[in-house]
PDB file of N, CA and C in Angstrom:
ATOM      1  N   MET A   1       0.818  -1.201   0.000  1.00  0.00           N
ATOM      2  CA  MET A   1       0.000   0.000   0.000  1.00  0.00           C
ATOM      3  C   MET A   1       0.863   1.267   0.000  1.00  0.00           C
ATOM      4  N   LYS A   2       1.971   1.252   0.728  1.00  0.00           N
ATOM      5  CA  LYS A   2       2.830   2.426   0.805  1.00  0.00           C
ATOM      6  C   LYS A   2       3.471   2.740  -0.541  1.00  0.00           C
ATOM      7  N   ARG A   3       3.780   1.726  -1.327  1.00  0.00           N
ATOM      8  CA  ARG A   3       4.401   1.952  -2.630  1.00  0.00           C
ATOM      9  C   ARG A   3       3.443   2.656  -3.584  1.00  0.00           C
ATOM     10  N   VAL A   4       2.173   2.418  -3.445  1.00  0.00           N
ATOM     11  CA  VAL A   4       1.169   3.041  -4.310  1.00  0.00           C
ATOM     12  C   VAL A   4       0.877   4.460  -3.831  1.00  0.00           C
ATOM     13  N   ALA A   5       0.917   4.712  -2.548  1.00  0.00           N
ATOM     14  CA  ALA A   5       0.524   6.008  -1.987  1.00  0.00           C
ATOM     15  C   ALA A   5       1.437   7.141  -2.443  1.00  0.00           C
ATOM     16  N   LEU A   6       2.740   6.938  -2.447  1.00  0.00           N
ATOM     17  CA  LEU A   6       3.657   8.007  -2.822  1.00  0.00           C
ATOM     18  C   LEU A   6       3.481   8.441  -4.273  1.00  0.00           C
ATOM     19  N   PRO A   7       3.456   7.528  -5.258  1.00  0.00           N
ATOM     20  CA  PRO A   7       3.216   7.976  -6.639  1.00  0.00           C
ATOM     21  C   PRO A   7       1.857   8.657  -6.809  1.00  0.00           C
ATOM     22  N   LEU A   8       0.860   8.190  -6.081  1.00  0.00           N
ATOM     23  CA  LEU A   8      -0.465   8.805  -6.163  1.00  0.00           C
ATOM     24  C   LEU A   8      -0.426  10.233  -5.631  1.00  0.00           C
ATOM     25  N   ILE A   9       0.279  10.456  -4.545  1.00  0.00           N
ATOM     26  CA  ILE A   9       0.408  11.798  -3.977  1.00  0.00           C
ATOM     27  C   ILE A   9       1.153  12.712  -4.949  1.00  0.00           C
ATOM     28  N   VAL A  10       2.199  12.203  -5.558  1.00  0.00           N
ATOM     29  CA  VAL A  10       2.962  12.991  -6.533  1.00  0.00           C
ATOM     30  C   VAL A  10       2.076  13.340  -7.723  1.00  0.00           C
ATOM     31  N   LEU A  11       1.341  12.373  -8.226  1.00  0.00           N
ATOM     32  CA  LEU A  11       0.444  12.609  -9.354  1.00  0.00           C
ATOM     33  C   LEU A  11      -0.623  13.640  -9.007  1.00  0.00           C
ATOM     34  N   LEU A  12      -1.227  13.523  -7.845  1.00  0.00           N
ATOM     35  CA  LEU A  12      -2.237  14.497  -7.427  1.00  0.00           C
ATOM     36  C   LEU A  12      -1.642  15.893  -7.285  1.00  0.00           C
ATOM     37  N   SER A  13      -0.427  15.983  -6.774  1.00  0.00           N
ATOM     38  CA  SER A  13       0.233  17.290  -6.642  1.00  0.00           C
ATOM     39  C   SER A  13       0.455  17.939  -8.003  1.00  0.00           C
ATOM     40  N   VAL A  14       0.878  17.153  -8.981  1.00  0.00           N
ATOM     41  CA  VAL A  14       1.111  17.672 -10.322  1.00  0.00           C
ATOM     42  C   VAL A  14      -0.203  18.123 -10.947  1.00  0.00           C
ATOM     43  N   VAL A  15      -1.244  17.319 -10.809  1.00  0.00           N
ATOM     44  CA  VAL A  15      -2.548  17.667 -11.384  1.00  0.00           C
ATOM     45  C   VAL A  15      -3.100  18.918 -10.731  1.00  0.00           C
ATOM     46  N   LEU A  16      -3.059  19.009  -9.415  1.00  0.00           N
ATOM     47  CA  LEU A  16      -3.584  20.188  -8.722  1.00  0.00           C
ATOM     48  C   LEU A  16      -2.770  21.433  -9.059  1.00  0.00           C
ATOM     49  N   GLY A  17      -1.455  21.289  -9.166  1.00  0.00           N
ATOM     50  CA  GLY A  17      -0.613  22.421  -9.551  1.00  0.00           C
ATOM     51  C   GLY A  17      -0.945  22.914 -10.944  1.00  0.00           C
ATOM     52  N   SER A  18      -1.211  21.994 -11.861  1.00  0.00           N
ATOM     53  CA  SER A  18      -1.571  22.367 -13.229  1.00  0.00           C
ATOM     54  C   SER A  18      -2.916  23.076 -13.262  1.00  0.00           C
ATOM     55  N   LEU A  19      -3.867  22.582 -12.495  1.00  0.00           N
ATOM     56  CA  LEU A  19      -5.182  23.223 -12.448  1.00  0.00           C
ATOM     57  C   LEU A  19      -5.093  24.625 -11.864  1.00  0.00           C
ATOM     58  N   LEU A  20      -4.254  24.810 -10.873  1.00  0.00           N
ATOM     59  CA  LEU A  20      -4.073  26.129 -10.269  1.00  0.00           C
ATOM     60  C   LEU A  20      -3.517  27.108 -11.294  1.00  0.00           C
ATOM     61  N   ALA A  21      -2.623  26.667 -12.146  1.00  0.00           N
ATOM     62  CA  ALA A  21      -2.062  27.540 -13.183  1.00  0.00           C
ATOM     63  C   ALA A  21      -3.153  28.042 -14.118  1.00  0.00           C
ATOM     64  N   TYR A  22      -4.165  27.217 -14.385  1.00  0.00           N
ATOM     65  CA  TYR A  22      -5.272  27.650 -15.242  1.00  0.00           C
ATOM     66  C   TYR A  22      -6.228  28.577 -14.510  1.00  0.00           C
ATOM     67  N   ALA A  23      -6.220  28.546 -13.183  1.00  0.00           N
ATOM     68  CA  ALA A  23      -7.107  29.404 -12.398  1.00  0.00           C
ATOM     69  C   ALA A  23      -6.593  30.838 -12.329  1.00  0.00           C
ATOM     70  N   VAL A  24      -5.317  31.053 -12.617  1.00  0.00           N
ATOM     71  CA  VAL A  24      -4.720  32.383 -12.567  1.00  0.00           C
ATOM     72  C   VAL A  24      -4.840  33.020 -13.952  1.00  0.00           C
ATOM     73  N   PRO A  25      -5.473  34.187 -14.035  1.00  0.00           N
ATOM     74  CA  PRO A  25      -5.592  34.820 -15.356  1.00  0.00           C
ATOM     75  C   PRO A  25      -4.234  35.262 -15.873  1.00  0.00           C
ATOM     76  N   ASP A  26      -4.008  35.082 -17.176  1.00  0.00           N
ATOM     77  CA  ASP A  26      -2.730  35.486 -17.767  1.00  0.00           C
ATOM     78  C   ASP A  26      -2.591  37.001 -17.751  1.00  0.00           C
ATOM     79  N   ARG A  27      -3.622  37.699 -18.222  1.00  0.00           N
ATOM     80  CA  ARG A  27      -3.572  39.164 -18.294  1.00  0.00           C
ATOM     81  C   ARG A  27      -4.651  39.745 -17.385  1.00  0.00           C
ATOM     82  N   VAL A  28      -4.248  40.711 -16.576  1.00  0.00           N
ATOM     83  CA  VAL A  28      -5.168  41.373 -15.657  1.00  0.00           C
ATOM     84  C   VAL A  28      -5.184  42.852 -15.987  1.00  0.00           C
ATOM     85  N   ARG A  29      -6.349  43.389 -16.264  1.00  0.00           N
ATOM     86  CA  ARG A  29      -6.478  44.834 -16.503  1.00  0.00           C
ATOM     87  C   ARG A  29      -6.519  45.544 -15.152  1.00  0.00           C
ATOM     88  N   ILE A  30      -5.690  46.572 -15.013  1.00  0.00           N
ATOM     89  CA  ILE A  30      -5.637  47.348 -13.775  1.00  0.00           C
ATOM     90  C   ILE A  30      -6.743  48.395 -13.839  1.00  0.00           C
ATOM     91  N   PRO A  31      -7.656  48.421 -12.857  1.00  0.00           N
ATOM     92  CA  PRO A  31      -8.733  49.415 -12.893  1.00  0.00           C
ATOM     93  C   PRO A  31      -8.184  50.839 -12.826  1.00  0.00           C
ATOM     94  N   ARG A  32      -8.839  51.753 -13.527  1.00  0.00           N
ATOM     95  CA  ARG A  32      -8.432  53.164 -13.491  1.00  0.00           C
ATOM     96  C   ARG A  32      -8.894  53.792 -12.181  1.00  0.00           C
ATOM     97  N   VAL A  33      -8.031  54.596 -11.600  1.00  0.00           N
ATOM     98  CA  VAL A  33      -8.378  55.319 -10.379  1.00  0.00           C
ATOM     99  C   VAL A  33      -9.101  56.604 -10.747  1.00  0.00           C
ATOM    100  N   ASN A  34      -8.594  57.279 -11.785  1.00  0.00           N
ATOM    101  CA  ASN A  34      -9.183  58.544 -12.214  1.00  0.00           C
ATOM    102  C   ASN A  34      -9.224  58.536 -13.736  1.00  0.00           C
ATOM    103  N   ALA A  35     -10.356  58.202 -14.303  1.00  0.00           N
ATOM    104  CA  ALA A  35     -10.476  58.045 -15.758  1.00  0.00           C
ATOM    105  C   ALA A  35     -10.204  59.347 -16.503  1.00  0.00           C
ATOM    106  N   GLU A  36     -10.580  60.487 -15.930  1.00  0.00           N
ATOM    107  CA  GLU A  36     -10.369  61.768 -16.610  1.00  0.00           C
ATOM    108  C   GLU A  36      -8.882  62.079 -16.752  1.00  0.00           C
ATOM    109  N   ALA A  37      -8.091  61.746 -15.748  1.00  0.00           N
ATOM    110  CA  ALA A  37      -6.667  62.046 -15.774  1.00  0.00           C
ATOM    111  C   ALA A  37      -5.889  61.036 -16.625  1.00  0.00           C
ATOM    112  N   ALA A  38      -6.519  59.919 -16.960  1.00  0.00           N
ATOM    113  CA  ALA A  38      -5.815  58.862 -17.687  1.00  0.00           C
ATOM    114  C   ALA A  38      -5.523  59.236 -19.128  1.00  0.00           C
ATOM    115  N   GLY A  39      -6.304  60.126 -19.696  1.00  0.00           N
ATOM    116  CA  GLY A  39      -6.080  60.526 -21.075  1.00  0.00           C
ATOM    117  C   GLY A  39      -6.419  59.410 -22.046  1.00  0.00           C
ATOM    118  N   PRO A  40      -5.780  59.416 -23.203  1.00  0.00           N
ATOM    119  CA  PRO A  40      -6.149  58.471 -24.254  1.00  0.00           C
ATOM    120  C   PRO A  40      -5.555  57.064 -24.097  1.00  0.00           C
ATOM    121  N   LEU A  41      -4.693  56.863 -23.125  1.00  0.00           N
ATOM    122  CA  LEU A  41      -4.066  55.546 -22.982  1.00  0.00           C
ATOM    123  C   LEU A  41      -5.084  54.503 -22.524  1.00  0.00           C
ATOM    124  N   PRO A  42      -4.962  53.269 -23.018  1.00  0.00           N
ATOM    125  CA  PRO A  42      -5.830  52.194 -22.528  1.00  0.00           C
ATOM    126  C   PRO A  42      -5.445  51.817 -21.098  1.00  0.00           C
ATOM    127  N   HIS A  43      -6.272  50.990 -20.480  1.00  0.00           N
ATOM    128  CA  HIS A  43      -5.964  50.479 -19.145  1.00  0.00           C
ATOM    129  C   HIS A  43      -4.576  49.854 -19.147  1.00  0.00           C
ATOM    130  N   ALA A  44      -3.924  49.903 -18.008  1.00  0.00           N
ATOM    131  CA  ALA A  44      -2.672  49.162 -17.858  1.00  0.00           C
ATOM    132  C   ALA A  44      -3.028  47.678 -17.730  1.00  0.00           C
ATOM    133  N   VAL A  45      -2.148  46.821 -18.224  1.00  0.00           N
ATOM    134  CA  VAL A  45      -2.375  45.381 -18.189  1.00  0.00           C
ATOM    135  C   VAL A  45      -1.179  44.728 -17.525  1.00  0.00           C
ATOM    136  N   PHE A  46      -1.452  43.814 -16.607  1.00  0.00           N
ATOM    137  CA  PHE A  46      -0.381  43.047 -15.962  1.00  0.00           C
ATOM    138  C   PHE A  46      -0.412  41.636 -16.522  1.00  0.00           C
ATOM    139  N   SER A  47       0.756  41.113 -16.861  1.00  0.00           N
ATOM    140  CA  SER A  47       0.860  39.755 -17.392  1.00  0.00           C
ATOM    141  C   SER A  47       1.467  38.823 -16.353  1.00  0.00           C
ATOM    142  N   HIS A  48       0.657  37.874 -15.857  1.00  0.00           N
ATOM    143  CA  HIS A  48       1.203  36.863 -14.960  1.00  0.00           C
ATOM    144  C   HIS A  48       2.236  36.011 -15.697  1.00  0.00           C
ATOM    145  N   ARG A  49       1.967  35.703 -16.972  1.00  0.00           N
ATOM    146  CA  ARG A  49       2.887  34.864 -17.758  1.00  0.00           C
ATOM    147  C   ARG A  49       4.254  35.544 -17.879  1.00  0.00           C
ATOM    148  N   GLY A  50       4.258  36.872 -18.034  1.00  0.00           N
ATOM    149  CA  GLY A  50       5.515  37.598 -18.142  1.00  0.00           C
ATOM    150  C   GLY A  50       6.307  37.638 -16.851  1.00  0.00           C
ATOM    151  N   HIS A  51       5.656  37.282 -15.748  1.00  0.00           N
ATOM    152  CA  HIS A  51       6.311  37.274 -14.440  1.00  0.00           C
ATOM    153  C   HIS A  51       6.310  35.868 -13.841  1.00  0.00           C
ATOM    154  N   ASN A  52       6.191  34.835 -14.671  1.00  0.00           N
ATOM    155  CA  ASN A  52       5.997  33.480 -14.154  1.00  0.00           C
ATOM    156  C   ASN A  52       7.232  32.874 -13.488  1.00  0.00           C
ATOM    157  N   GLN A  53       8.346  33.575 -13.484  1.00  0.00           N
ATOM    158  CA  GLN A  53       9.522  33.062 -12.780  1.00  0.00           C
ATOM    159  C   GLN A  53       9.375  33.254 -11.270  1.00  0.00           C
ATOM    160  N   TYR A  54       8.352  33.985 -10.853  1.00  0.00           N
ATOM    161  CA  TYR A  54       8.102  34.246  -9.436  1.00  0.00           C
ATOM    162  C   TYR A  54       6.916  33.430  -8.956  1.00  0.00           C
ATOM    163  N   GLN A  55       6.943  33.053  -7.705  1.00  0.00           N
ATOM    164  CA  GLN A  55       5.808  32.364  -7.093  1.00  0.00           C
ATOM    165  C   GLN A  55       4.753  33.403  -6.715  1.00  0.00           C
ATOM    166  N   CYS A  56       3.512  32.991  -6.607  1.00  0.00           N
ATOM    167  CA  CYS A  56       2.410  33.908  -6.286  1.00  0.00           C
ATOM    168  C   CYS A  56       2.686  34.710  -5.014  1.00  0.00           C
ATOM    169  N   TYR A  57       3.232  34.044  -3.988  1.00  0.00           N
ATOM    170  CA  TYR A  57       3.447  34.702  -2.708  1.00  0.00           C
ATOM    171  C   TYR A  57       4.538  35.775  -2.761  1.00  0.00           C
ATOM    172  N   THR A  58       5.271  35.875  -3.870  1.00  0.00           N
ATOM    173  CA  THR A  58       6.259  36.939  -4.012  1.00  0.00           C
ATOM    174  C   THR A  58       5.559  38.300  -3.992  1.00  0.00           C
ATOM    175  N   CYS A  59       4.377  38.371  -4.602  1.00  0.00           N
ATOM    176  CA  CYS A  59       3.639  39.638  -4.714  1.00  0.00           C
ATOM    177  C   CYS A  59       2.325  39.660  -3.929  1.00  0.00           C
ATOM    178  N   HIS A  60       1.741  38.497  -3.722  1.00  0.00           N
ATOM    179  CA  HIS A  60       0.435  38.426  -3.055  1.00  0.00           C
ATOM    180  C   HIS A  60       0.573  37.845  -1.669  1.00  0.00           C
ATOM    181  N   PRO A  61       0.010  38.477  -0.660  1.00  0.00           N
ATOM    182  CA  PRO A  61      -0.725  39.734  -0.666  1.00  0.00           C
ATOM    183  C   PRO A  61       0.122  40.931  -0.275  1.00  0.00           C
ATOM    184  N   SER A  62       1.451  40.779  -0.186  1.00  0.00           N
ATOM    185  CA  SER A  62       2.284  41.880   0.312  1.00  0.00           C
ATOM    186  C   SER A  62       2.264  43.125  -0.573  1.00  0.00           C
ATOM    187  N   MET A  63       2.457  42.993  -1.883  1.00  0.00           N
ATOM    188  CA  MET A  63       2.463  44.149  -2.788  1.00  0.00           C
ATOM    189  C   MET A  63       1.085  44.431  -3.368  1.00  0.00           C
ATOM    190  N   PHE A  64       0.377  43.364  -3.676  1.00  0.00           N
ATOM    191  CA  PHE A  64      -0.931  43.473  -4.323  1.00  0.00           C
ATOM    192  C   PHE A  64      -1.917  42.553  -3.627  1.00  0.00           C
ATOM    193  N   PRO A  65      -3.145  43.049  -3.374  1.00  0.00           N
ATOM    194  CA  PRO A  65      -4.171  42.120  -2.894  1.00  0.00           C
ATOM    195  C   PRO A  65      -4.536  41.188  -4.050  1.00  0.00           C
ATOM    196  N   GLN A  66      -5.231  40.123  -3.771  1.00  0.00           N
ATOM    197  CA  GLN A  66      -5.599  39.208  -4.843  1.00  0.00           C
ATOM    198  C   GLN A  66      -6.885  39.631  -5.535  1.00  0.00           C
ATOM    199  N   ALA A  67      -7.352  40.818  -5.230  1.00  0.00           N
ATOM    200  CA  ALA A  67      -8.471  41.425  -5.955  1.00  0.00           C
ATOM    201  C   ALA A  67      -7.883  42.573  -6.764  1.00  0.00           C
ATOM    202  N   ARG A  68      -8.479  42.860  -7.912  1.00  0.00           N
ATOM    203  CA  ARG A  68      -7.939  43.951  -8.734  1.00  0.00           C
ATOM    204  C   ARG A  68      -8.080  45.277  -7.993  1.00  0.00           C
ATOM    205  N   LEU A  69      -7.002  46.013  -7.967  1.00  0.00           N
ATOM    206  CA  LEU A  69      -6.945  47.277  -7.253  1.00  0.00           C
ATOM    207  C   LEU A  69      -6.315  48.321  -8.158  1.00  0.00           C
ATOM    208  N   GLY A  70      -6.972  49.454  -8.295  1.00  0.00           N
ATOM    209  CA  GLY A  70      -6.400  50.522  -9.081  1.00  0.00           C
ATOM    210  C   GLY A  70      -5.353  51.280  -8.279  1.00  0.00           C
ATOM    211  N   PHE A  71      -4.365  51.802  -8.974  1.00  0.00           N
ATOM    212  CA  PHE A  71      -3.338  52.621  -8.333  1.00  0.00           C
ATOM    213  C   PHE A  71      -2.813  53.601  -9.366  1.00  0.00           C
ATOM    214  N   THR A  72      -2.054  54.572  -8.916  1.00  0.00           N
ATOM    215  CA  THR A  72      -1.623  55.657  -9.794  1.00  0.00           C
ATOM    216  C   THR A  72      -0.102  55.645  -9.987  1.00  0.00           C
ATOM    217  N   HIS A  73       0.335  56.409 -10.996  1.00  0.00           N
ATOM    218  CA  HIS A  73       1.778  56.582 -11.198  1.00  0.00           C
ATOM    219  C   HIS A  73       2.379  57.315 -10.006  1.00  0.00           C
ATOM    220  N   GLU A  74       1.636  58.215  -9.409  1.00  0.00           N
ATOM    221  CA  GLU A  74       2.137  58.925  -8.230  1.00  0.00           C
ATOM    222  C   GLU A  74       2.472  57.934  -7.110  1.00  0.00           C
ATOM    223  N   GLN A  75       1.603  56.949  -6.912  1.00  0.00           N
ATOM    224  CA  GLN A  75       1.881  55.930  -5.894  1.00  0.00           C
ATOM    225  C   GLN A  75       3.105  55.093  -6.283  1.00  0.00           C
ATOM    226  N   MET A  76       3.231  54.772  -7.559  1.00  0.00           N
ATOM    227  CA  MET A  76       4.403  54.008  -7.998  1.00  0.00           C
ATOM    228  C   MET A  76       5.672  54.838  -7.849  1.00  0.00           C
ATOM    229  N   ASN A  77       5.590  56.152  -8.098  1.00  0.00           N
ATOM    230  CA  ASN A  77       6.757  57.030  -7.928  1.00  0.00           C
ATOM    231  C   ASN A  77       7.240  57.045  -6.479  1.00  0.00           C
ATOM    232  N   LYS A  78       6.345  56.686  -5.564  1.00  0.00           N
ATOM    233  CA  LYS A  78       6.707  56.606  -4.145  1.00  0.00           C
ATOM    234  C   LYS A  78       7.176  55.199  -3.775  1.00  0.00           C
ATOM    235  N   GLY A  79       7.363  54.326  -4.785  1.00  0.00           N
ATOM    236  CA  GLY A  79       7.893  52.994  -4.540  1.00  0.00           C
ATOM    237  C   GLY A  79       6.865  51.940  -4.203  1.00  0.00           C
ATOM    238  N   ARG A  80       5.605  52.201  -4.481  1.00  0.00           N
ATOM    239  CA  ARG A  80       4.559  51.222  -4.174  1.00  0.00           C
ATOM    240  C   ARG A  80       4.177  50.430  -5.417  1.00  0.00           C
ATOM    241  N   PHE A  81       3.447  49.367  -5.212  1.00  0.00           N
ATOM    242  CA  PHE A  81       2.918  48.499  -6.268  1.00  0.00           C
ATOM    243  C   PHE A  81       4.037  48.031  -7.203  1.00  0.00           C
ATOM    244  N   CYS A  82       3.906  48.234  -8.508  1.00  0.00           N
ATOM    245  CA  CYS A  82       4.878  47.729  -9.491  1.00  0.00           C
ATOM    246  C   CYS A  82       6.294  48.216  -9.176  1.00  0.00           C
ATOM    247  N   ALA A  83       6.403  49.433  -8.668  1.00  0.00           N
ATOM    248  CA  ALA A  83       7.719  50.048  -8.443  1.00  0.00           C
ATOM    249  C   ALA A  83       8.502  49.396  -7.311  1.00  0.00           C
ATOM    250  N   GLN A  84       7.882  48.499  -6.571  1.00  0.00           N
ATOM    251  CA  GLN A  84       8.658  47.786  -5.552  1.00  0.00           C
ATOM    252  C   GLN A  84       9.731  46.934  -6.216  1.00  0.00           C
ATOM    253  N   CYS A  85       9.450  46.430  -7.408  1.00  0.00           N
ATOM    254  CA  CYS A  85      10.465  45.682  -8.167  1.00  0.00           C
ATOM    255  C   CYS A  85      10.978  46.499  -9.350  1.00  0.00           C
ATOM    256  N   HIS A  86      10.080  47.217 -10.003  1.00  0.00           N
ATOM    257  CA  HIS A  86      10.461  48.028 -11.166  1.00  0.00           C
ATOM    258  C   HIS A  86      10.999  49.371 -10.665  1.00  0.00           C
ATOM    259  N   ASN A  87      12.185  49.277 -10.052  1.00  0.00           N
ATOM    260  CA  ASN A  87      12.809  50.428  -9.394  1.00  0.00           C
ATOM    261  C   ASN A  87      14.153  50.805 -10.017  1.00  0.00           C
ATOM    262  N   GLY A  88      14.505  50.147 -11.122  1.00  0.00           N
ATOM    263  CA  GLY A  88      15.792  50.405 -11.760  1.00  0.00           C
ATOM    264  C   GLY A  88      16.902  49.512 -11.243  1.00  0.00           C
ATOM    265  N   LYS A  89      16.632  48.742 -10.196  1.00  0.00           N
ATOM    266  CA  LYS A  89      17.633  47.819  -9.645  1.00  0.00           C
ATOM    267  C   LYS A  89      17.206  46.376  -9.914  1.00  0.00           C
ATOM    268  N   ALA A  90      16.075  45.991  -9.364  1.00  0.00           N
ATOM    269  CA  ALA A  90      15.583  44.619  -9.564  1.00  0.00           C
ATOM    270  C   ALA A  90      15.050  44.429 -10.977  1.00  0.00           C
ATOM    271  N   ALA A  91      14.422  45.466 -11.507  1.00  0.00           N
ATOM    272  CA  ALA A  91      13.856  45.432 -12.870  1.00  0.00           C
ATOM    273  C   ALA A  91      13.836  46.862 -13.393  1.00  0.00           C
ATOM    274  N   THR A  92      13.626  47.008 -14.689  1.00  0.00           N
ATOM    275  CA  THR A  92      13.592  48.336 -15.314  1.00  0.00           C
ATOM    276  C   THR A  92      12.635  49.238 -14.559  1.00  0.00           C
ATOM    277  N   ALA A  93      13.069  50.447 -14.269  1.00  0.00           N
ATOM    278  CA  ALA A  93      12.242  51.401 -13.522  1.00  0.00           C
ATOM    279  C   ALA A  93      10.986  51.754 -14.310  1.00  0.00           C
ATOM    280  N   VAL A  94       9.911  52.002 -13.583  1.00  0.00           N
ATOM    281  CA  VAL A  94       8.644  52.399 -14.205  1.00  0.00           C
ATOM    282  C   VAL A  94       8.864  53.630 -15.081  1.00  0.00           C
ATOM    283  N   ALA A  95       9.610  54.597 -14.584  1.00  0.00           N
ATOM    284  CA  ALA A  95       9.838  55.843 -15.322  1.00  0.00           C
ATOM    285  C   ALA A  95      10.630  55.617 -16.611  1.00  0.00           C
ATOM    286  N   ASP A  96      11.393  54.532 -16.687  1.00  0.00           N
ATOM    287  CA  ASP A  96      12.199  54.236 -17.876  1.00  0.00           C
ATOM    288  C   ASP A  96      11.509  53.263 -18.837  1.00  0.00           C
ATOM    289  N   THR A  97      10.278  52.936 -18.561  1.00  0.00           N
ATOM    290  CA  THR A  97       9.528  51.970 -19.367  1.00  0.00           C
ATOM    291  C   THR A  97       8.592  52.716 -20.307  1.00  0.00           C
ATOM    292  N   ALA A  98       8.517  52.288 -21.563  1.00  0.00           N
ATOM    293  CA  ALA A  98       7.597  52.896 -22.533  1.00  0.00           C
ATOM    294  C   ALA A  98       6.164  52.696 -22.044  1.00  0.00           C
ATOM    295  N   CYS A  99       5.351  53.727 -22.207  1.00  0.00           N
ATOM    296  CA  CYS A  99       3.960  53.681 -21.766  1.00  0.00           C
ATOM    297  C   CYS A  99       3.235  52.438 -22.308  1.00  0.00           C
ATOM    298  N   GLU A 100       3.509  52.125 -23.593  1.00  0.00           N
ATOM    299  CA  GLU A 100       2.813  51.017 -24.261  1.00  0.00           C
ATOM    300  C   GLU A 100       3.185  49.655 -23.676  1.00  0.00           C
ATOM    301  N   ALA A 101       4.251  49.576 -22.917  1.00  0.00           N
ATOM    302  CA  ALA A 101       4.625  48.285 -22.310  1.00  0.00           C
ATOM    303  C   ALA A 101       3.579  47.828 -21.303  1.00  0.00           C
ATOM    304  N   CYS A 102       2.963  48.773 -20.618  1.00  0.00           N
ATOM    305  CA  CYS A 102       1.935  48.435 -19.622  1.00  0.00           C
ATOM    306  C   CYS A 102       0.536  48.809 -20.127  1.00  0.00           C
ATOM    307  N   HIS A 103       0.432  49.949 -20.790  1.00  0.00           N
ATOM    308  CA  HIS A 103      -0.869  50.431 -21.279  1.00  0.00           C
ATOM    309  C   HIS A 103      -1.109  49.865 -22.675  1.00  0.00           C
ATOM    310  N   ALA A 104      -1.463  48.585 -22.699  1.00  0.00           N
ATOM    311  CA  ALA A 104      -1.654  47.880 -23.963  1.00  0.00           C
ATOM    312  C   ALA A 104      -3.139  47.605 -24.193  1.00  0.00           C
ATOM    313  N   PRO A 105      -3.568  47.642 -25.440  1.00  0.00           N
ATOM    314  CA  PRO A 105      -4.987  47.354 -25.725  1.00  0.00           C
ATOM    315  C   PRO A 105      -5.345  45.916 -25.415  1.00  0.00           C
TER     316      PRO A 105
END
């Protein structure tokens, strides 16, 4: 019985891990905080696939809640949200990134 239990546990872990990957949306639209100030740019979009080298707990819930939350460039300029990593050291700074990299249709 013990010989069967370990492979079964491994198989279940792989299946559950795969299902969890499908439960996470690839692209998440960031809600606008102030639509009038946003101008003609589309909503910012976050790509989980583009950040898949990190585990979920790297950002959730410390940097971002697991519910969509709008935030501003002013907040990022103060080192919050995306700018915790996109600070010019860990990753390209928000200020040095083309608008279209995040504000994609």
